[in-house]
Amino acid sequence: MDYVIPLVSSFLISFFAVKIIRPIAVKAGLVDLPNERKLHNGAIPLVGGICIYIGVLMASMFFIKDSQTLNIYFVSAAMLLFLGVLDDKYDLSVRLRLASQVIVASMMIFGAGYYLHSLGFILGFEVYLGSVGTIVTIIAVIGAINAFNMVDGIDGLAGMLSLITFAALAFLLSRVNNDWYLLPVLFIASILAYLMFNLSWPKNFGKIFMGDAGSMLIGLTVVWLLVIGTDSSVKAFRPVTALYLIAIPLMDMTSIMYRRIRKGVSPFQPDRNHLHHIFERAGFNRRQTLAIISLMGSSFAIIGCLSEIYTVPEWFMFTCFMAMFLSYTWILTHIWQVLSWFRKPS
């Protein structure tokens, strides 16, 4: 129960931060306006990411032991958060966003000293990366940041999927008594506060969005904890397990980028062909879509955690994941054909 007070503190700080910052954001024009892709009513303040960060940062000052690595994380997260705010306000170029992501990845690698040394025994033998691990880690950081950024398409989705990932990370890190488990706990609390506003539950407190600042902050934090958790000094879980903890954002991003490239357009060009959009066009409302995709994400995370507990062979986990990923990509590529099978009269 030593996590209850930190959790409550992070929640309350984030909750009241929204109350304070939301009117400031409206006056500053930091709002999301509806368009052909963004189907919502009115100008919605983009302050979720800022308030989540404030809640986690302030609570961590009291409940997480200070260290150089933790400080480097918060500095890199602040840099990415600031860039996200600028992107929310001015719609920055893809090149600038990618450059900033490379910088924060470099801070983790060369500042904190964490990077992927190995991919584990995913092929039946250890895939040791050596010096190539720094490049692989940079790619992983960029991938995770953009995966959570791209999945943030309907109310609550990025928040719910990140809750699932952070809960799994907190569980796996606590199993090895690693102090980093408190960071995902604090994020869980702050994100819950954000979701109360975003989903208007249990009542309408005034709607807010996470913004690119929030989704990129979450993506960075997730990949930071994934790299730490797989490090040989921690060994909270094996590298292949990370795939299961971020399965839905990762598969959705990869498959939609593949489809965009096949169409001859930029893989970063926004569209309405994500998983949540397909569910909506198939006739599900947004709450149903949120529930179904969250259940899918929870299933993957539970499988990942159970595989760690029972030490399922890494090559088997990797093979199963790739089979599910290829099936997922095929289904989304042929989604209307698949749906037509279910609509045929019996």
Protein backbone atom coordinates (compact mmCIF):
# COMPACT_ATOMS: atom_id res chain seq x y z
CA MET A 1 0.00 0.00 0.00
CA ASP A 2 3.04 2.31 -0.11
CA TYR A 3 1.87 3.56 -3.50
CA VAL A 4 -1.53 4.88 -2.35
CA ILE A 5 -0.39 8.30 -1.09
CA PRO A 6 1.78 8.98 -4.19
CA LEU A 7 -1.12 7.93 -6.41
CA VAL A 8 -3.63 10.20 -4.64
CA SER A 9 -1.16 13.10 -4.62
CA SER A 10 -0.43 12.85 -8.35
CA PHE A 11 -4.14 12.61 -9.11
CA LEU A 12 -5.07 15.69 -7.08
CA ILE A 13 -2.20 17.81 -8.41
CA SER A 14 -3.08 16.94 -12.00
CA PHE A 15 -6.81 17.51 -11.39
CA PHE A 16 -6.36 20.99 -9.96
CA ALA A 17 -3.71 21.82 -12.56
CA VAL A 18 -6.40 21.37 -15.21
CA LYS A 19 -8.68 23.76 -13.35
CA ILE A 20 -5.95 26.41 -13.26
CA ILE A 21 -4.38 25.99 -16.71
CA ARG A 22 -7.49 25.42 -18.85
CA PRO A 23 -8.72 29.05 -18.85
CA ILE A 24 -5.15 30.24 -19.54
CA ALA A 25 -4.95 27.92 -22.55
CA VAL A 26 -8.24 29.28 -23.92
CA LYS A 27 -6.96 32.85 -23.69
CA ALA A 28 -3.64 31.86 -25.30
CA GLY A 29 -5.38 30.08 -28.17
CA LEU A 30 -4.00 26.65 -27.23
CA VAL A 31 -7.17 24.91 -28.37
CA ASP A 32 -8.19 22.26 -30.87
CA LEU A 33 -10.65 23.39 -33.53
CA PRO A 34 -12.91 20.96 -35.43
CA ASN A 35 -12.15 20.16 -39.08
CA GLU A 36 -12.74 17.35 -41.58
CA ARG A 37 -10.63 14.96 -39.45
CA LYS A 38 -11.46 16.25 -35.97
CA LEU A 39 -15.16 15.82 -35.39
CA HIS A 40 -15.91 17.57 -32.11
CA ASN A 41 -17.89 20.58 -30.95
CA GLY A 42 -16.17 23.88 -30.28
CA ALA A 43 -12.65 24.81 -29.27
CA ILE A 44 -11.21 22.28 -26.81
CA PRO A 45 -8.20 23.26 -24.63
CA LEU A 46 -5.09 21.16 -25.33
CA VAL A 47 -3.78 21.05 -21.76
CA GLY A 48 -3.97 17.36 -20.82
CA GLY A 49 -0.29 16.67 -21.44
CA ILE A 50 0.85 19.71 -19.48
CA CYS A 51 -1.28 18.80 -16.47
CA ILE A 52 -0.24 15.15 -16.52
CA TYR A 53 3.41 16.23 -16.50
CA ILE A 54 2.85 18.68 -13.63
CA GLY A 55 1.10 16.02 -11.56
CA VAL A 56 3.86 13.46 -12.09
CA LEU A 57 6.72 15.94 -11.63
CA MET A 58 5.46 17.44 -8.38
CA ALA A 59 4.50 14.10 -6.85
CA SER A 60 7.85 12.58 -7.82
CA MET A 61 9.65 15.28 -5.83
CA PHE A 62 8.19 13.78 -2.65
CA PHE A 63 7.96 10.08 -3.41
CA ILE A 64 10.72 9.08 -5.87
CA LYS A 65 14.35 9.07 -4.80
CA ASP A 66 16.27 11.78 -6.62
CA SER A 67 18.88 10.61 -9.13
CA GLN A 68 20.72 11.90 -12.16
CA THR A 69 18.84 9.45 -14.39
CA LEU A 70 15.48 10.64 -13.11
CA ASN A 71 16.50 14.27 -13.63
CA ILE A 72 17.61 13.54 -17.20
CA TYR A 73 14.24 11.88 -17.83
CA PHE A 74 12.27 14.89 -16.57
CA VAL A 75 14.43 17.34 -18.55
CA SER A 76 14.02 15.34 -21.77
CA ALA A 77 10.29 14.95 -21.09
CA ALA A 78 9.97 18.71 -20.53
CA MET A 79 11.74 19.39 -23.84
CA LEU A 80 9.40 17.06 -25.71
CA LEU A 81 6.39 18.46 -23.88
CA PHE A 82 7.38 22.01 -24.87
CA LEU A 83 7.79 20.98 -28.49
CA GLY A 84 4.42 19.24 -28.32
CA VAL A 85 2.79 22.42 -27.07
CA LEU A 86 4.34 24.34 -29.97
CA ASP A 87 3.11 21.65 -32.35
CA ASP A 88 -0.40 21.88 -30.89
CA LYS A 89 -0.32 25.65 -31.35
CA TYR A 90 1.54 26.06 -34.65
CA ASP A 91 1.50 22.61 -36.34
CA LEU A 92 5.25 22.09 -36.68
CA SER A 93 6.91 20.21 -39.54
CA VAL A 94 7.55 16.47 -39.38
CA ARG A 95 11.31 17.06 -39.69
CA LEU A 96 11.41 19.28 -36.62
CA ARG A 97 9.39 16.81 -34.58
CA LEU A 98 11.64 13.92 -35.61
CA ALA A 99 14.78 15.93 -34.85
CA SER A 100 13.54 16.67 -31.33
CA GLN A 101 12.72 13.00 -30.80
CA VAL A 102 16.25 12.04 -31.81
CA ILE A 103 17.60 14.56 -29.27
CA VAL A 104 15.54 13.17 -26.37
CA ALA A 105 16.52 9.62 -27.39
CA SER A 106 20.17 10.70 -27.32
CA MET A 107 19.68 12.11 -23.82
CA MET A 108 18.47 8.71 -22.65
CA ILE A 109 21.31 6.87 -24.39
CA PHE A 110 24.29 9.15 -23.78
CA GLY A 111 23.06 11.02 -20.70
CA ALA A 112 21.38 8.30 -18.66
CA GLY A 113 23.33 5.44 -20.25
CA TYR A 114 20.29 3.32 -21.10
CA TYR A 115 19.93 1.66 -24.50
CA LEU A 116 19.07 -1.73 -25.95
CA HIS A 117 22.03 -4.10 -25.78
CA SER A 118 20.09 -7.15 -26.90
CA LEU A 119 16.73 -8.21 -28.37
CA GLY A 120 16.83 -11.37 -26.31
CA PHE A 121 16.38 -14.92 -27.59
CA ILE A 122 13.61 -14.08 -30.08
CA LEU A 123 15.17 -16.29 -32.77
CA GLY A 124 16.09 -19.14 -30.47
CA PHE A 125 19.46 -17.55 -29.80
CA GLU A 126 20.41 -14.18 -28.35
CA VAL A 127 20.23 -11.30 -30.83
CA TYR A 128 23.05 -9.18 -29.40
CA LEU A 129 23.09 -5.63 -30.75
CA GLY A 130 26.40 -4.24 -29.53
CA SER A 131 27.04 -0.69 -30.73
CA VAL A 132 24.09 -0.97 -33.12
CA GLY A 133 21.91 -0.90 -30.01
CA THR A 134 22.11 2.90 -29.86
CA ILE A 135 20.61 3.19 -33.35
CA VAL A 136 17.95 0.59 -32.56
CA THR A 137 17.08 2.49 -29.38
CA ILE A 138 16.69 5.78 -31.25
CA ILE A 139 14.34 4.05 -33.70
CA ALA A 140 12.44 2.52 -30.77
CA VAL A 141 12.04 5.93 -29.10
CA ILE A 142 10.77 7.54 -32.30
CA GLY A 143 8.44 4.59 -32.87
CA ALA A 144 6.92 4.64 -29.38
CA ILE A 145 6.44 8.41 -29.35
CA ASN A 146 4.67 8.39 -32.70
CA ALA A 147 2.69 5.23 -31.92
CA PHE A 148 0.96 6.88 -28.96
CA ASN A 149 0.66 10.14 -30.89
CA MET A 150 -1.09 8.45 -33.80
CA VAL A 151 -3.47 6.41 -31.65
CA ASP A 152 -4.83 9.56 -29.98
CA GLY A 153 -7.84 9.85 -32.27
CA ILE A 154 -10.96 9.55 -30.12
CA ASP A 155 -11.79 10.60 -26.58
CA GLY A 156 -9.99 8.52 -23.99
CA LEU A 157 -8.18 6.12 -26.33
CA ALA A 158 -4.56 7.22 -25.82
CA GLY A 159 -5.30 7.64 -22.12
CA MET A 160 -6.81 4.18 -21.70
CA LEU A 161 -4.12 2.39 -23.70
CA SER A 162 -1.40 4.19 -21.76
CA LEU A 163 -3.10 3.25 -18.47
CA ILE A 164 -2.91 -0.39 -19.51
CA THR A 165 0.76 -0.10 -20.45
CA PHE A 166 1.70 1.79 -17.28
CA ALA A 167 -0.18 -0.70 -15.10
CA ALA A 168 1.73 -3.59 -16.69
CA LEU A 169 5.03 -1.73 -16.31
CA ALA A 170 4.34 -0.93 -12.66
CA PHE A 171 3.54 -4.60 -12.00
CA LEU A 172 6.63 -5.96 -13.77
CA LEU A 173 9.02 -3.40 -12.25
CA SER A 174 7.60 -3.94 -8.74
CA ARG A 175 8.18 -7.71 -9.11
CA VAL A 176 11.92 -7.07 -9.09
CA ASN A 177 11.65 -4.33 -6.41
CA ASN A 178 12.90 -1.65 -8.77
CA ASP A 179 12.26 1.95 -7.66
CA TRP A 180 11.20 2.96 -11.17
CA TYR A 181 7.83 1.25 -10.60
CA LEU A 182 6.59 4.44 -8.90
CA LEU A 183 6.87 6.50 -12.10
CA PRO A 184 4.17 4.53 -13.99
CA VAL A 185 2.04 4.62 -10.82
CA LEU A 186 2.21 8.42 -10.80
CA PHE A 187 1.33 8.49 -14.50
CA ILE A 188 -1.67 6.26 -13.90
CA ALA A 189 -2.99 8.72 -11.32
CA SER A 190 -2.42 11.81 -13.45
CA ILE A 191 -3.94 10.18 -16.53
CA LEU A 192 -7.01 9.18 -14.52
CA ALA A 193 -7.47 12.83 -13.57
CA TYR A 194 -7.15 13.81 -17.23
CA LEU A 195 -9.69 11.18 -18.31
CA MET A 196 -12.29 12.60 -15.93
CA PHE A 197 -12.23 15.79 -17.99
CA ASN A 198 -11.70 14.19 -21.38
CA LEU A 199 -14.52 11.63 -20.98
CA SER A 200 -16.75 13.92 -18.88
CA TRP A 201 -16.99 11.30 -16.12
CA PRO A 202 -18.52 11.19 -13.58
CA LYS A 203 -19.79 14.60 -14.70
CA ASN A 204 -18.86 17.32 -17.16
CA PHE A 205 -15.95 19.21 -15.58
CA GLY A 206 -15.16 20.95 -18.89
CA LYS A 207 -13.67 18.98 -21.75
CA ILE A 208 -9.95 18.96 -22.51
CA PHE A 209 -7.71 17.08 -24.94
CA MET A 210 -4.29 15.56 -24.33
CA GLY A 211 -2.76 17.18 -27.41
CA ASP A 212 0.44 16.13 -29.14
CA ALA A 213 2.27 17.30 -26.02
CA GLY A 214 0.52 14.66 -23.93
CA SER A 215 0.68 11.74 -26.35
CA MET A 216 4.38 12.33 -27.08
CA LEU A 217 5.12 12.66 -23.35
CA ILE A 218 3.43 9.31 -22.74
CA GLY A 219 5.23 7.66 -25.65
CA LEU A 220 8.61 8.86 -24.39
CA THR A 221 7.91 7.72 -20.84
CA VAL A 222 6.72 4.30 -21.97
CA VAL A 223 9.80 3.63 -24.10
CA TRP A 224 12.08 4.99 -21.34
CA LEU A 225 10.59 2.49 -18.89
CA LEU A 226 10.68 -0.31 -21.46
CA VAL A 227 14.40 0.21 -22.06
CA ILE A 228 15.10 0.40 -18.31
CA GLY A 229 12.98 -2.68 -17.62
CA THR A 230 14.89 -4.79 -20.14
CA ASP A 231 18.32 -3.56 -19.02
CA SER A 232 20.64 -6.22 -17.62
CA SER A 233 20.90 -4.28 -14.33
CA VAL A 234 17.11 -4.46 -13.82
CA LYS A 235 15.79 -7.51 -15.71
CA ALA A 236 12.15 -6.74 -14.97
CA PHE A 237 11.10 -8.35 -18.24
CA ARG A 238 12.51 -9.56 -21.54
CA PRO A 239 12.65 -7.39 -24.68
CA VAL A 240 9.96 -9.39 -26.50
CA THR A 241 7.49 -8.62 -23.69
CA ALA A 242 7.70 -4.93 -24.59
CA LEU A 243 5.92 -5.73 -27.86
CA TYR A 244 2.90 -7.00 -25.94
CA LEU A 245 2.78 -4.01 -23.59
CA ILE A 246 2.39 -1.52 -26.46
CA ALA A 247 0.81 -3.91 -28.97
CA ILE A 248 -2.18 -1.87 -30.18
CA PRO A 249 -0.40 1.50 -30.66
CA LEU A 250 2.57 -0.26 -32.27
CA MET A 251 0.54 -2.43 -34.65
CA ASP A 252 -1.82 0.40 -35.59
CA MET A 253 1.06 2.77 -36.38
CA THR A 254 3.05 0.20 -38.36
CA SER A 255 0.13 -1.08 -40.40
CA ILE A 256 -1.21 2.37 -41.26
CA MET A 257 2.26 3.61 -42.26
CA TYR A 258 2.58 0.57 -44.51
CA ARG A 259 -0.77 1.36 -46.14
CA ARG A 260 0.15 5.02 -46.64
CA ILE A 261 3.47 4.12 -48.27
CA ARG A 262 1.67 1.68 -50.57
CA LYS A 263 -0.60 4.54 -51.63
CA GLY A 264 2.44 6.71 -52.38
CA VAL A 265 1.83 9.27 -49.63
CA SER A 266 3.89 10.30 -46.61
CA PRO A 267 3.70 7.80 -43.72
CA PHE A 268 3.12 10.80 -41.43
CA GLN A 269 0.21 12.22 -43.43
CA PRO A 270 -2.91 12.24 -41.22
CA ASP A 271 -6.01 10.38 -42.36
CA ARG A 272 -9.09 8.63 -40.99
CA ASN A 273 -8.01 5.04 -41.52
CA HIS A 274 -6.84 4.16 -38.01
CA LEU A 275 -8.33 1.24 -36.11
CA HIS A 276 -10.72 3.45 -34.16
CA HIS A 277 -11.96 5.10 -37.36
CA ILE A 278 -12.68 1.70 -38.90
CA PHE A 279 -14.67 0.63 -35.84
CA GLU A 280 -16.72 3.80 -36.09
CA ARG A 281 -17.42 3.34 -39.80
CA ALA A 282 -18.40 -0.25 -39.08
CA GLY A 283 -21.24 1.06 -36.90
CA PHE A 284 -19.79 1.21 -33.38
CA ASN A 285 -20.16 4.40 -31.40
CA ARG A 286 -17.13 6.01 -29.75
CA ARG A 287 -17.69 4.56 -26.29
CA GLN A 288 -18.07 1.06 -27.75
CA THR A 289 -14.94 1.58 -29.86
CA LEU A 290 -13.02 2.75 -26.80
CA ALA A 291 -14.15 -0.27 -24.78
CA ILE A 292 -13.32 -2.82 -27.51
CA ILE A 293 -9.86 -1.44 -28.28
CA SER A 294 -9.06 -1.09 -24.55
CA LEU A 295 -10.07 -4.73 -24.07
CA MET A 296 -7.77 -5.70 -26.94
CA GLY A 297 -4.89 -3.76 -25.39
CA SER A 298 -5.55 -5.29 -21.97
CA SER A 299 -5.51 -8.79 -23.45
CA PHE A 300 -2.10 -8.24 -25.02
CA ALA A 301 -0.67 -6.75 -21.80
CA ILE A 302 -2.01 -9.62 -19.69
CA ILE A 303 -0.52 -12.16 -22.10
CA GLY A 304 2.81 -10.34 -21.85
CA CYS A 305 2.77 -10.31 -18.04
CA LEU A 306 1.71 -13.96 -17.79
CA SER A 307 4.45 -14.92 -20.25
CA GLU A 308 6.96 -13.27 -17.92
CA ILE A 309 5.56 -14.99 -14.85
CA TYR A 310 5.65 -18.42 -16.49
CA THR A 311 8.83 -17.71 -18.52
CA VAL A 312 7.35 -18.63 -21.88
CA PRO A 313 10.19 -19.03 -24.42
CA GLU A 314 11.03 -15.76 -26.14
CA TRP A 315 11.09 -17.26 -29.64
CA PHE A 316 7.55 -18.55 -29.11
CA MET A 317 6.33 -15.16 -27.84
CA PHE A 318 7.93 -13.41 -30.80
CA THR A 319 6.48 -15.88 -33.32
CA CYS A 320 3.00 -15.49 -31.84
CA PHE A 321 3.26 -11.72 -31.85
CA MET A 322 4.39 -11.60 -35.48
CA ALA A 323 1.55 -13.94 -36.46
CA MET A 324 -0.96 -11.67 -34.70
CA PHE A 325 0.62 -8.57 -36.23
CA LEU A 326 0.49 -9.98 -39.78
CA SER A 327 -3.12 -11.06 -39.22
CA TYR A 328 -3.96 -7.61 -37.88
CA THR A 329 -2.38 -5.90 -40.91
CA TRP A 330 -4.15 -8.22 -43.36
CA ILE A 331 -7.53 -7.69 -41.67
CA LEU A 332 -7.18 -3.90 -41.70
CA THR A 333 -6.02 -3.94 -45.32
CA HIS A 334 -9.09 -6.00 -46.28
CA ILE A 335 -11.41 -4.67 -43.59
CA TRP A 336 -14.45 -4.03 -45.76
CA GLN A 337 -14.22 -7.49 -47.27
CA VAL A 338 -13.98 -8.96 -43.77
CA LEU A 339 -16.96 -6.95 -42.53
CA SER A 340 -19.01 -8.05 -45.53
CA TRP A 341 -18.60 -11.67 -44.42
CA PHE A 342 -20.30 -10.87 -41.10
CA ARG A 343 -23.06 -8.89 -42.81
CA LYS A 344 -24.10 -11.71 -45.14
CA PRO A 345 -27.52 -13.11 -44.31
CA SER A 346 -27.51 -16.49 -42.61
